[in-house]
Amino acid sequence: MSKKVGQLEQTTAPTYTKAQFLASSRFTAAQRDILAAVLADDKTYTDDEARKAVESYLRKEVK
């Protein structure tokens, strides 16, 4: 493993499109329905961001 002195080694999480999440088996059908509603078509998201979007939607107060 090589490290450069004075620089931090950063790793970025892979990002996916809305269509990729909707085709994924990582989420249940109900979660994919939520993702279809809350994710933007022209943006990419990490897996963690998508899961947080679902959780945020589910925790919203009902009006």
Protein backbone atom coordinates (compact mmCIF):
# COMPACT_ATOMS: atom_id res chain seq x y z
CA MET A 1 0.00 0.00 0.00
CA SER A 2 1.50 3.30 -0.99
CA LYS A 3 0.75 6.48 0.89
CA LYS A 4 1.79 9.96 -0.06
CA VAL A 5 3.07 12.13 2.76
CA GLY A 6 0.83 15.14 3.41
CA GLN A 7 -2.04 13.90 1.26
CA LEU A 8 -5.12 11.99 2.28
CA GLU A 9 -6.13 8.99 0.26
CA GLN A 10 -9.80 9.28 -0.62
CA THR A 11 -12.07 6.62 -1.97
CA THR A 12 -15.38 7.50 -3.52
CA ALA A 13 -18.44 5.32 -3.36
CA PRO A 14 -19.90 4.25 -6.70
CA THR A 15 -22.89 6.23 -7.89
CA TYR A 16 -25.95 4.97 -9.73
CA THR A 17 -28.79 6.49 -11.70
CA LYS A 18 -32.44 6.37 -10.73
CA ALA A 19 -33.06 3.73 -13.42
CA GLN A 20 -30.31 1.51 -12.01
CA PHE A 21 -31.83 1.67 -8.51
CA LEU A 22 -35.28 0.85 -9.89
CA ALA A 23 -33.88 -2.23 -11.66
CA SER A 24 -31.86 -3.31 -8.61
CA SER A 25 -32.80 -6.21 -6.35
CA ARG A 26 -31.24 -4.44 -3.33
CA PHE A 27 -34.56 -2.77 -2.60
CA THR A 28 -38.02 -4.21 -2.08
CA ALA A 29 -40.80 -3.37 -4.52
CA ALA A 30 -42.24 -0.83 -2.06
CA GLN A 31 -38.83 0.82 -1.62
CA ARG A 32 -38.38 1.00 -5.40
CA ASP A 33 -41.76 2.75 -5.64
CA ILE A 34 -40.55 5.33 -3.12
CA LEU A 35 -37.26 5.76 -5.00
CA ALA A 36 -39.20 6.34 -8.22
CA ALA A 37 -41.01 9.20 -6.50
CA VAL A 38 -38.14 10.86 -4.62
CA LEU A 39 -35.06 10.51 -6.84
CA ALA A 40 -34.37 12.90 -9.70
CA ASP A 41 -33.96 11.44 -13.20
CA ASP A 42 -30.85 13.46 -14.07
CA LYS A 43 -28.83 12.92 -10.88
CA THR A 44 -26.69 10.06 -9.60
CA TYR A 45 -26.78 8.73 -6.04
CA THR A 46 -24.69 6.48 -3.83
CA ASP A 47 -26.35 3.45 -2.27
CA ASP A 48 -26.27 5.20 1.10
CA GLU A 49 -27.97 8.32 -0.32
CA ALA A 50 -30.74 6.21 -1.84
CA ARG A 51 -31.33 4.33 1.41
CA LYS A 52 -31.44 7.62 3.33
CA ALA A 53 -33.97 9.01 0.83
CA VAL A 54 -36.25 6.02 1.47
CA GLU A 55 -35.85 6.32 5.25
CA SER A 56 -36.51 10.06 5.14
CA TYR A 57 -39.68 9.52 3.12
CA LEU A 58 -40.94 6.84 5.50
CA ARG A 59 -40.32 9.02 8.57
CA LYS A 60 -42.17 12.03 7.16
CA GLU A 61 -45.08 13.25 9.22
CA VAL A 62 -48.45 12.49 7.70
CA LYS A 63 -50.54 15.59 7.06
